[in-house]
PDB file of all heavy atoms in Angstrom:
ATOM      1  N   ASN A   1       7.064  -4.180 -18.391  1.00  0.00           N
ATOM      2  CA  ASN A   1       7.544  -2.805 -18.399  1.00  0.00           C
ATOM      3  C   ASN A   1       6.963  -2.029 -17.214  1.00  0.00           C
ATOM      4  O   ASN A   1       6.051  -2.494 -16.533  1.00  0.00           O
ATOM      5  CB  ASN A   1       7.192  -2.164 -19.738  1.00  0.00           C
ATOM      6  CG  ASN A   1       7.757  -2.988 -20.886  1.00  0.00           C
ATOM      7  OD1 ASN A   1       8.945  -3.237 -20.958  1.00  0.00           O
ATOM      8  ND2 ASN A   1       6.883  -3.451 -21.773  1.00  0.00           N
ATOM      9  N   LYS A   2       7.519  -0.843 -16.993  1.00  0.00           N
ATOM     10  CA  LYS A   2       7.140  -0.044 -15.818  1.00  0.00           C
ATOM     11  C   LYS A   2       6.854   1.388 -16.287  1.00  0.00           C
ATOM     12  O   LYS A   2       7.726   2.024 -16.875  1.00  0.00           O
ATOM     13  CB  LYS A   2       8.268  -0.069 -14.771  1.00  0.00           C
ATOM     14  CG  LYS A   2       8.620  -1.483 -14.302  1.00  0.00           C
ATOM     15  CD  LYS A   2       9.676  -1.526 -13.205  1.00  0.00           C
ATOM     16  CE  LYS A   2      11.057  -1.126 -13.642  1.00  0.00           C
ATOM     17  NZ  LYS A   2      12.093  -1.455 -12.618  1.00  0.00           N
ATOM     18  N   TYR A   3       5.651   1.857 -16.018  1.00  0.00           N
ATOM     19  CA  TYR A   3       5.166   3.115 -16.574  1.00  0.00           C
ATOM     20  C   TYR A   3       4.817   4.083 -15.437  1.00  0.00           C
ATOM     21  O   TYR A   3       3.984   3.766 -14.591  1.00  0.00           O
ATOM     22  CB  TYR A   3       3.921   2.869 -17.419  1.00  0.00           C
ATOM     23  CG  TYR A   3       4.058   1.802 -18.491  1.00  0.00           C
ATOM     24  CD1 TYR A   3       3.973   0.440 -18.177  1.00  0.00           C
ATOM     25  CD2 TYR A   3       4.239   2.146 -19.829  1.00  0.00           C
ATOM     26  CE1 TYR A   3       4.073  -0.538 -19.153  1.00  0.00           C
ATOM     27  CE2 TYR A   3       4.343   1.174 -20.825  1.00  0.00           C
ATOM     28  CZ  TYR A   3       4.253  -0.172 -20.477  1.00  0.00           C
ATOM     29  OH  TYR A   3       4.353  -1.138 -21.439  1.00  0.00           O
ATOM     30  N   VAL A   4       5.396   5.267 -15.445  1.00  0.00           N
ATOM     31  CA  VAL A   4       5.165   6.216 -14.355  1.00  0.00           C
ATOM     32  C   VAL A   4       3.704   6.654 -14.289  1.00  0.00           C
ATOM     33  O   VAL A   4       3.118   6.748 -13.206  1.00  0.00           O
ATOM     34  CB  VAL A   4       6.100   7.435 -14.491  1.00  0.00           C
ATOM     35  CG1 VAL A   4       5.644   8.568 -13.567  1.00  0.00           C
ATOM     36  CG2 VAL A   4       7.534   7.043 -14.160  1.00  0.00           C
ATOM     37  N   VAL A   5       3.107   6.923 -15.449  1.00  0.00           N
ATOM     38  CA  VAL A   5       1.729   7.410 -15.453  1.00  0.00           C
ATOM     39  C   VAL A   5       0.792   6.396 -14.796  1.00  0.00           C
ATOM     40  O   VAL A   5      -0.049   6.754 -13.961  1.00  0.00           O
ATOM     41  CB  VAL A   5       1.286   7.725 -16.898  1.00  0.00           C
ATOM     42  CG1 VAL A   5      -0.220   7.904 -16.977  1.00  0.00           C
ATOM     43  CG2 VAL A   5       1.991   8.980 -17.407  1.00  0.00           C
ATOM     44  N   ASN A   6       0.928   5.131 -15.161  1.00  0.00           N
ATOM     45  CA  ASN A   6       0.041   4.128 -14.575  1.00  0.00           C
ATOM     46  C   ASN A   6       0.422   3.805 -13.137  1.00  0.00           C
ATOM     47  O   ASN A   6      -0.433   3.495 -12.310  1.00  0.00           O
ATOM     48  CB  ASN A   6       0.044   2.861 -15.433  1.00  0.00           C
ATOM     49  CG  ASN A   6      -1.298   2.186 -15.423  1.00  0.00           C
ATOM     50  OD1 ASN A   6      -2.329   2.844 -15.393  1.00  0.00           O
ATOM     51  ND2 ASN A   6      -1.307   0.876 -15.445  1.00  0.00           N
ATOM     52  N   SER A   7       1.717   3.872 -12.830  1.00  0.00           N
ATOM     53  CA  SER A   7       2.132   3.711 -11.437  1.00  0.00           C
ATOM     54  C   SER A   7       1.561   4.815 -10.562  1.00  0.00           C
ATOM     55  O   SER A   7       1.296   4.606  -9.382  1.00  0.00           O
ATOM     56  CB  SER A   7       3.659   3.725 -11.337  1.00  0.00           C
ATOM     57  OG  SER A   7       4.192   2.443 -11.479  1.00  0.00           O
ATOM     58  N   GLY A   8       1.374   5.986 -11.157  1.00  0.00           N
ATOM     59  CA  GLY A   8       0.889   7.123 -10.381  1.00  0.00           C
ATOM     60  C   GLY A   8      -0.455   6.861  -9.742  1.00  0.00           C
ATOM     61  O   GLY A   8      -0.607   6.898  -8.515  1.00  0.00           O
ATOM     62  N   ILE A   9      -1.461   6.562 -10.552  1.00  0.00           N
ATOM     63  CA  ILE A   9      -2.801   6.338 -10.012  1.00  0.00           C
ATOM     64  C   ILE A   9      -2.832   5.093  -9.138  1.00  0.00           C
ATOM     65  O   ILE A   9      -3.528   5.046  -8.119  1.00  0.00           O
ATOM     66  CB  ILE A   9      -3.852   6.257 -11.143  1.00  0.00           C
ATOM     67  CG1 ILE A   9      -5.265   6.191 -10.552  1.00  0.00           C
ATOM     68  CG2 ILE A   9      -3.580   5.107 -12.102  1.00  0.00           C
ATOM     69  CD1 ILE A   9      -6.368   6.323 -11.582  1.00  0.00           C
ATOM     70  N   SER A  10      -2.035   4.061  -9.500  1.00  0.00           N
ATOM     71  CA  SER A  10      -2.035   2.819  -8.723  1.00  0.00           C
ATOM     72  C   SER A  10      -1.476   3.050  -7.324  1.00  0.00           C
ATOM     73  O   SER A  10      -2.075   2.657  -6.318  1.00  0.00           O
ATOM     74  CB  SER A  10      -1.196   1.751  -9.440  1.00  0.00           C
ATOM     75  OG  SER A  10      -1.603   1.597 -10.779  1.00  0.00           O
ATOM     76  N   THR A  11      -0.316   3.683  -7.264  1.00  0.00           N
ATOM     77  CA  THR A  11       0.342   3.925  -5.981  1.00  0.00           C
ATOM     78  C   THR A  11      -0.494   4.850  -5.109  1.00  0.00           C
ATOM     79  O   THR A  11      -0.650   4.626  -3.904  1.00  0.00           O
ATOM     80  CB  THR A  11       1.745   4.506  -6.206  1.00  0.00           C
ATOM     81  OG1 THR A  11       2.458   3.667  -7.109  1.00  0.00           O
ATOM     82  CG2 THR A  11       2.515   4.615  -4.903  1.00  0.00           C
ATOM     83  N   SER A  12      -1.042   5.883  -5.719  1.00  0.00           N
ATOM     84  CA  SER A  12      -1.854   6.830  -4.957  1.00  0.00           C
ATOM     85  C   SER A  12      -3.103   6.179  -4.382  1.00  0.00           C
ATOM     86  O   SER A  12      -3.482   6.443  -3.233  1.00  0.00           O
ATOM     87  CB  SER A  12      -2.254   8.005  -5.840  1.00  0.00           C
ATOM     88  OG  SER A  12      -3.119   8.871  -5.143  1.00  0.00           O
ATOM     89  N   THR A  13      -3.758   5.320  -5.171  1.00  0.00           N
ATOM     90  CA  THR A  13      -4.971   4.664  -4.674  1.00  0.00           C
ATOM     91  C   THR A  13      -4.658   3.795  -3.465  1.00  0.00           C
ATOM     92  O   THR A  13      -5.425   3.754  -2.497  1.00  0.00           O
ATOM     93  CB  THR A  13      -5.618   3.833  -5.798  1.00  0.00           C
ATOM     94  OG1 THR A  13      -5.939   4.702  -6.898  1.00  0.00           O
ATOM     95  CG2 THR A  13      -6.883   3.153  -5.314  1.00  0.00           C
ATOM     96  N   LEU A  14      -3.522   3.110  -3.490  1.00  0.00           N
ATOM     97  CA  LEU A  14      -3.124   2.289  -2.340  1.00  0.00           C
ATOM     98  C   LEU A  14      -2.728   3.161  -1.153  1.00  0.00           C
ATOM     99  O   LEU A  14      -3.048   2.840   0.004  1.00  0.00           O
ATOM    100  CB  LEU A  14      -1.981   1.366  -2.729  1.00  0.00           C
ATOM    101  CG  LEU A  14      -2.329   0.296  -3.782  1.00  0.00           C
ATOM    102  CD1 LEU A  14      -1.103  -0.519  -4.139  1.00  0.00           C
ATOM    103  CD2 LEU A  14      -3.456  -0.612  -3.306  1.00  0.00           C
ATOM    104  N   LEU A  15      -2.036   4.262  -1.412  1.00  0.00           N
ATOM    105  CA  LEU A  15      -1.716   5.190  -0.325  1.00  0.00           C
ATOM    106  C   LEU A  15      -2.995   5.753   0.292  1.00  0.00           C
ATOM    107  O   LEU A  15      -3.104   5.910   1.515  1.00  0.00           O
ATOM    108  CB  LEU A  15      -0.834   6.321  -0.838  1.00  0.00           C
ATOM    109  CG  LEU A  15       0.626   5.980  -1.146  1.00  0.00           C
ATOM    110  CD1 LEU A  15       1.310   7.134  -1.869  1.00  0.00           C
ATOM    111  CD2 LEU A  15       1.396   5.630   0.136  1.00  0.00           C
ATOM    112  N   SER A  16      -3.986   6.045  -0.537  1.00  0.00           N
ATOM    113  CA  SER A  16      -5.260   6.559  -0.032  1.00  0.00           C
ATOM    114  C   SER A  16      -5.992   5.519   0.803  1.00  0.00           C
ATOM    115  O   SER A  16      -6.672   5.871   1.771  1.00  0.00           O
ATOM    116  CB  SER A  16      -6.146   7.013  -1.198  1.00  0.00           C
ATOM    117  OG  SER A  16      -5.587   8.143  -1.835  1.00  0.00           O
ATOM    118  N   LEU A  17      -5.858   4.260   0.416  1.00  0.00           N
ATOM    119  CA  LEU A  17      -6.464   3.205   1.226  1.00  0.00           C
ATOM    120  C   LEU A  17      -5.908   3.245   2.639  1.00  0.00           C
ATOM    121  O   LEU A  17      -6.668   3.137   3.621  1.00  0.00           O
ATOM    122  CB  LEU A  17      -6.203   1.846   0.578  1.00  0.00           C
ATOM    123  CG  LEU A  17      -6.613   0.603   1.368  1.00  0.00           C
ATOM    124  CD1 LEU A  17      -8.097   0.617   1.710  1.00  0.00           C
ATOM    125  CD2 LEU A  17      -6.251  -0.662   0.596  1.00  0.00           C
ATOM    126  N   TYR A  18      -4.606   3.418   2.771  1.00  0.00           N
ATOM    127  CA  TYR A  18      -4.028   3.531   4.114  1.00  0.00           C
ATOM    128  C   TYR A  18      -4.460   4.832   4.783  1.00  0.00           C
ATOM    129  O   TYR A  18      -4.832   4.843   5.963  1.00  0.00           O
ATOM    130  CB  TYR A  18      -2.497   3.468   4.070  1.00  0.00           C
ATOM    131  CG  TYR A  18      -1.914   3.621   5.448  1.00  0.00           C
ATOM    132  CD1 TYR A  18      -1.888   2.540   6.334  1.00  0.00           C
ATOM    133  CD2 TYR A  18      -1.465   4.854   5.917  1.00  0.00           C
ATOM    134  CE1 TYR A  18      -1.420   2.688   7.625  1.00  0.00           C
ATOM    135  CE2 TYR A  18      -0.986   5.009   7.200  1.00  0.00           C
ATOM    136  CZ  TYR A  18      -0.968   3.924   8.050  1.00  0.00           C
ATOM    137  OH  TYR A  18      -0.510   4.071   9.341  1.00  0.00           O
ATOM    138  N   GLU A  19      -4.424   5.911   4.029  1.00  0.00           N
ATOM    139  CA  GLU A  19      -4.738   7.225   4.591  1.00  0.00           C
ATOM    140  C   GLU A  19      -6.183   7.291   5.094  1.00  0.00           C
ATOM    141  O   GLU A  19      -6.471   7.914   6.113  1.00  0.00           O
ATOM    142  CB  GLU A  19      -4.506   8.295   3.516  1.00  0.00           C
ATOM    143  CG  GLU A  19      -4.315   9.692   4.048  1.00  0.00           C
ATOM    144  CD  GLU A  19      -3.778  10.645   2.990  1.00  0.00           C
ATOM    145  OE1 GLU A  19      -3.853  10.334   1.790  1.00  0.00           O
ATOM    146  OE2 GLU A  19      -3.285  11.721   3.374  1.00  0.00           O
ATOM    147  N   ASP A  20      -7.088   6.610   4.400  1.00  0.00           N
ATOM    148  CA  ASP A  20      -8.506   6.668   4.754  1.00  0.00           C
ATOM    149  C   ASP A  20      -8.901   5.664   5.836  1.00  0.00           C
ATOM    150  O   ASP A  20      -9.847   5.902   6.583  1.00  0.00           O
ATOM    151  CB  ASP A  20      -9.358   6.428   3.509  1.00  0.00           C
ATOM    152  CG  ASP A  20      -9.205   7.524   2.469  1.00  0.00           C
ATOM    153  OD1 ASP A  20      -8.588   8.559   2.779  1.00  0.00           O
ATOM    154  OD2 ASP A  20      -9.682   7.333   1.337  1.00  0.00           O
ATOM    155  N   TYR A  21      -8.174   4.532   5.906  1.00  0.00           N
ATOM    156  CA  TYR A  21      -8.523   3.483   6.868  1.00  0.00           C
ATOM    157  C   TYR A  21      -7.262   2.971   7.577  1.00  0.00           C
ATOM    158  O   TYR A  21      -6.954   1.777   7.524  1.00  0.00           O
ATOM    159  CB  TYR A  21      -9.239   2.323   6.144  1.00  0.00           C
ATOM    160  CG  TYR A  21     -10.474   2.773   5.409  1.00  0.00           C
ATOM    161  CD1 TYR A  21     -10.429   3.055   4.042  1.00  0.00           C
ATOM    162  CD2 TYR A  21     -11.677   2.954   6.077  1.00  0.00           C
ATOM    163  CE1 TYR A  21     -11.559   3.496   3.366  1.00  0.00           C
ATOM    164  CE2 TYR A  21     -12.810   3.399   5.417  1.00  0.00           C
ATOM    165  CZ  TYR A  21     -12.744   3.674   4.058  1.00  0.00           C
ATOM    166  OH  TYR A  21     -13.862   4.120   3.395  1.00  0.00           O
ATOM    167  N   PRO A  22      -6.544   3.855   8.255  1.00  0.00           N
ATOM    168  CA  PRO A  22      -5.247   3.454   8.832  1.00  0.00           C
ATOM    169  C   PRO A  22      -5.369   2.375   9.906  1.00  0.00           C
ATOM    170  O   PRO A  22      -4.535   1.467   9.953  1.00  0.00           O
ATOM    171  CB  PRO A  22      -4.686   4.759   9.393  1.00  0.00           C
ATOM    172  CG  PRO A  22      -5.881   5.643   9.597  1.00  0.00           C
ATOM    173  CD  PRO A  22      -6.827   5.278   8.511  1.00  0.00           C
ATOM    174  N   ALA A  23      -6.365   2.484  10.763  1.00  0.00           N
ATOM    175  CA  ALA A  23      -6.480   1.506  11.849  1.00  0.00           C
ATOM    176  C   ALA A  23      -6.669   0.105  11.286  1.00  0.00           C
ATOM    177  O   ALA A  23      -6.026  -0.857  11.739  1.00  0.00           O
ATOM    178  CB  ALA A  23      -7.633   1.877  12.781  1.00  0.00           C
ATOM    179  N   TYR A  24      -7.552  -0.022  10.295  1.00  0.00           N
ATOM    180  CA  TYR A  24      -7.776  -1.347   9.722  1.00  0.00           C
ATOM    181  C   TYR A  24      -6.548  -1.823   8.953  1.00  0.00           C
ATOM    182  O   TYR A  24      -6.137  -2.990   9.085  1.00  0.00           O
ATOM    183  CB  TYR A  24      -8.995  -1.347   8.795  1.00  0.00           C
ATOM    184  CG  TYR A  24      -9.172  -2.690   8.120  1.00  0.00           C
ATOM    185  CD1 TYR A  24      -9.691  -3.772   8.820  1.00  0.00           C
ATOM    186  CD2 TYR A  24      -8.778  -2.887   6.797  1.00  0.00           C
ATOM    187  CE1 TYR A  24      -9.816  -5.016   8.225  1.00  0.00           C
ATOM    188  CE2 TYR A  24      -8.903  -4.130   6.192  1.00  0.00           C
ATOM    189  CZ  TYR A  24      -9.416  -5.191   6.906  1.00  0.00           C
ATOM    190  OH  TYR A  24      -9.528  -6.422   6.316  1.00  0.00           O
ATOM    191  N   MET A  25      -5.948  -0.958   8.164  1.00  0.00           N
ATOM    192  CA  MET A  25      -4.835  -1.405   7.314  1.00  0.00           C
ATOM    193  C   MET A  25      -3.611  -1.801   8.137  1.00  0.00           C
ATOM    194  O   MET A  25      -2.786  -2.600   7.662  1.00  0.00           O
ATOM    195  CB  MET A  25      -4.478  -0.325   6.292  1.00  0.00           C
ATOM    196  CG  MET A  25      -5.567  -0.052   5.257  1.00  0.00           C
ATOM    197  SD  MET A  25      -6.343  -1.550   4.547  1.00  0.00           S
ATOM    198  CE  MET A  25      -4.918  -2.404   3.864  1.00  0.00           C
ATOM    199  N   LYS A  26      -3.500  -1.301   9.348  1.00  0.00           N
ATOM    200  CA  LYS A  26      -2.397  -1.738  10.215  1.00  0.00           C
ATOM    201  C   LYS A  26      -2.556  -3.199  10.632  1.00  0.00           C
ATOM    202  O   LYS A  26      -1.584  -3.829  11.049  1.00  0.00           O
ATOM    203  CB  LYS A  26      -2.320  -0.844  11.456  1.00  0.00           C
ATOM    204  CG  LYS A  26      -1.767   0.545  11.169  1.00  0.00           C
ATOM    205  CD  LYS A  26      -1.827   1.440  12.393  1.00  0.00           C
ATOM    206  CE  LYS A  26      -1.320   2.845  12.068  1.00  0.00           C
ATOM    207  NZ  LYS A  26      -1.470   3.775  13.215  1.00  0.00           N
ATOM    208  N   THR A  27      -3.765  -3.735  10.525  1.00  0.00           N
ATOM    209  CA  THR A  27      -3.997  -5.130  10.930  1.00  0.00           C
ATOM    210  C   THR A  27      -3.798  -6.116   9.782  1.00  0.00           C
ATOM    211  O   THR A  27      -3.814  -7.326   9.999  1.00  0.00           O
ATOM    212  CB  THR A  27      -5.433  -5.313  11.467  1.00  0.00           C
ATOM    213  OG1 THR A  27      -6.376  -5.230  10.375  1.00  0.00           O
ATOM    214  CG2 THR A  27      -5.773  -4.259  12.505  1.00  0.00           C
ATOM    215  N   VAL A  28      -3.634  -5.622   8.563  1.00  0.00           N
ATOM    216  CA  VAL A  28      -3.577  -6.495   7.385  1.00  0.00           C
ATOM    217  C   VAL A  28      -2.152  -7.022   7.206  1.00  0.00           C
ATOM    218  O   VAL A  28      -1.222  -6.259   6.939  1.00  0.00           O
ATOM    219  CB  VAL A  28      -4.042  -5.744   6.123  1.00  0.00           C
ATOM    220  CG1 VAL A  28      -3.839  -6.602   4.876  1.00  0.00           C
ATOM    221  CG2 VAL A  28      -5.516  -5.341   6.272  1.00  0.00           C
ATOM    222  N   LYS A  29      -1.993  -8.326   7.368  1.00  0.00           N
ATOM    223  CA  LYS A  29      -0.686  -8.981   7.252  1.00  0.00           C
ATOM    224  C   LYS A  29      -0.636  -9.750   5.935  1.00  0.00           C
ATOM    225  O   LYS A  29      -1.510 -10.569   5.653  1.00  0.00           O
ATOM    226  CB  LYS A  29      -0.440  -9.944   8.416  1.00  0.00           C
ATOM    227  CG  LYS A  29      -0.723  -9.345   9.798  1.00  0.00           C
ATOM    228  CD  LYS A  29       0.168  -8.160  10.116  1.00  0.00           C
ATOM    229  CE  LYS A  29      -0.104  -7.630  11.518  1.00  0.00           C
ATOM    230  NZ  LYS A  29       0.635  -6.382  11.806  1.00  0.00           N
ATOM    231  N   LEU A  30       0.420  -9.524   5.149  1.00  0.00           N
ATOM    232  CA  LEU A  30       0.474 -10.063   3.795  1.00  0.00           C
ATOM    233  C   LEU A  30       1.509 -11.155   3.585  1.00  0.00           C
ATOM    234  O   LEU A  30       1.578 -11.727   2.496  1.00  0.00           O
ATOM    235  CB  LEU A  30       0.759  -8.914   2.805  1.00  0.00           C
ATOM    236  CG  LEU A  30      -0.268  -7.784   2.757  1.00  0.00           C
ATOM    237  CD1 LEU A  30       0.206  -6.697   1.806  1.00  0.00           C
ATOM    238  CD2 LEU A  30      -1.635  -8.305   2.342  1.00  0.00           C
ATOM    239  N   ASN A  31       2.335 -11.447   4.587  1.00  0.00           N
ATOM    240  CA  ASN A  31       3.412 -12.421   4.407  1.00  0.00           C
ATOM    241  C   ASN A  31       4.294 -12.051   3.215  1.00  0.00           C
ATOM    242  O   ASN A  31       4.372 -12.754   2.213  1.00  0.00           O
ATOM    243  CB  ASN A  31       2.864 -13.844   4.237  1.00  0.00           C
ATOM    244  CG  ASN A  31       3.980 -14.881   4.144  1.00  0.00           C
ATOM    245  OD1 ASN A  31       5.006 -14.764   4.793  1.00  0.00           O
ATOM    246  ND2 ASN A  31       3.797 -15.897   3.301  1.00  0.00           N
ATOM    247  N   ILE A  32       4.933 -10.908   3.332  1.00  0.00           N
ATOM    248  CA  ILE A  32       5.924 -10.465   2.357  1.00  0.00           C
ATOM    249  C   ILE A  32       7.248 -10.290   3.095  1.00  0.00           C
ATOM    250  O   ILE A  32       7.272 -10.290   4.339  1.00  0.00           O
ATOM    251  CB  ILE A  32       5.488  -9.151   1.663  1.00  0.00           C
ATOM    252  CG1 ILE A  32       5.206  -8.037   2.683  1.00  0.00           C
ATOM    253  CG2 ILE A  32       4.258  -9.392   0.790  1.00  0.00           C
ATOM    254  CD1 ILE A  32       4.806  -6.707   2.059  1.00  0.00           C
ATOM    255  N   PRO A  33       8.371 -10.194   2.389  1.00  0.00           N
ATOM    256  CA  PRO A  33       9.674 -10.178   3.075  1.00  0.00           C
ATOM    257  C   PRO A  33       9.815  -9.093   4.135  1.00  0.00           C
ATOM    258  O   PRO A  33      10.534  -9.279   5.122  1.00  0.00           O
ATOM    259  CB  PRO A  33      10.658  -9.966   1.920  1.00  0.00           C
ATOM    260  CG  PRO A  33       9.989 -10.579   0.743  1.00  0.00           C
ATOM    261  CD  PRO A  33       8.525 -10.280   0.922  1.00  0.00           C
ATOM    262  N   GLU A  34       9.132  -7.971   3.976  1.00  0.00           N
ATOM    263  CA  GLU A  34       9.270  -6.860   4.911  1.00  0.00           C
ATOM    264  C   GLU A  34       8.332  -6.963   6.117  1.00  0.00           C
ATOM    265  O   GLU A  34       8.403  -6.122   7.029  1.00  0.00           O
ATOM    266  CB  GLU A  34       8.998  -5.535   4.188  1.00  0.00           C
ATOM    267  CG  GLU A  34       9.944  -5.246   3.037  1.00  0.00           C
ATOM    268  CD  GLU A  34       9.569  -5.949   1.737  1.00  0.00           C
ATOM    269  OE1 GLU A  34       8.500  -6.632   1.707  1.00  0.00           O
ATOM    270  OE2 GLU A  34      10.316  -5.839   0.760  1.00  0.00           O
ATOM    271  N   SER A  35       7.454  -7.939   6.129  1.00  0.00           N
ATOM    272  CA  SER A  35       6.468  -8.056   7.220  1.00  0.00           C
ATOM    273  C   SER A  35       7.162  -8.059   8.577  1.00  0.00           C
ATOM    274  O   SER A  35       8.185  -8.710   8.769  1.00  0.00           O
ATOM    275  CB  SER A  35       5.661  -9.345   7.058  1.00  0.00           C
ATOM    276  OG  SER A  35       4.873  -9.318   5.902  1.00  0.00           O
ATOM    277  N   GLY A  36       6.576  -7.319   9.523  1.00  0.00           N
ATOM    278  CA  GLY A  36       7.109  -7.283  10.879  1.00  0.00           C
ATOM    279  C   GLY A  36       8.157  -6.217  11.116  1.00  0.00           C
ATOM    280  O   GLY A  36       8.749  -6.165  12.203  1.00  0.00           O
ATOM    281  N   ASN A  37       8.364  -5.326  10.139  1.00  0.00           N
ATOM    282  CA  ASN A  37       9.411  -4.306  10.298  1.00  0.00           C
ATOM    283  C   ASN A  37       8.914  -3.016  10.934  1.00  0.00           C
ATOM    284  O   ASN A  37       9.643  -2.025  10.999  1.00  0.00           O
ATOM    285  CB  ASN A  37      10.075  -4.003   8.951  1.00  0.00           C
ATOM    286  CG  ASN A  37       9.126  -3.331   7.956  1.00  0.00           C
ATOM    287  OD1 ASN A  37       7.931  -3.150   8.240  1.00  0.00           O
ATOM    288  ND2 ASN A  37       9.643  -2.981   6.781  1.00  0.00           N
ATOM    289  N   GLY A  38       7.671  -3.013  11.410  1.00  0.00           N
ATOM    290  CA  GLY A  38       7.125  -1.811  12.040  1.00  0.00           C
ATOM    291  C   GLY A  38       6.361  -0.901  11.094  1.00  0.00           C
ATOM    292  O   GLY A  38       5.777   0.093  11.527  1.00  0.00           O
TER     293      GLY A  38
END
């Protein structure tokens, strides 16, 4: 199932990871279908 309340804190924490450490997170490659799209 998919829950907005729990998605909220999860999504925000990941967004904050990028917001707080953008230079490093730009180097992290995950091999997912969207990889390499800019």
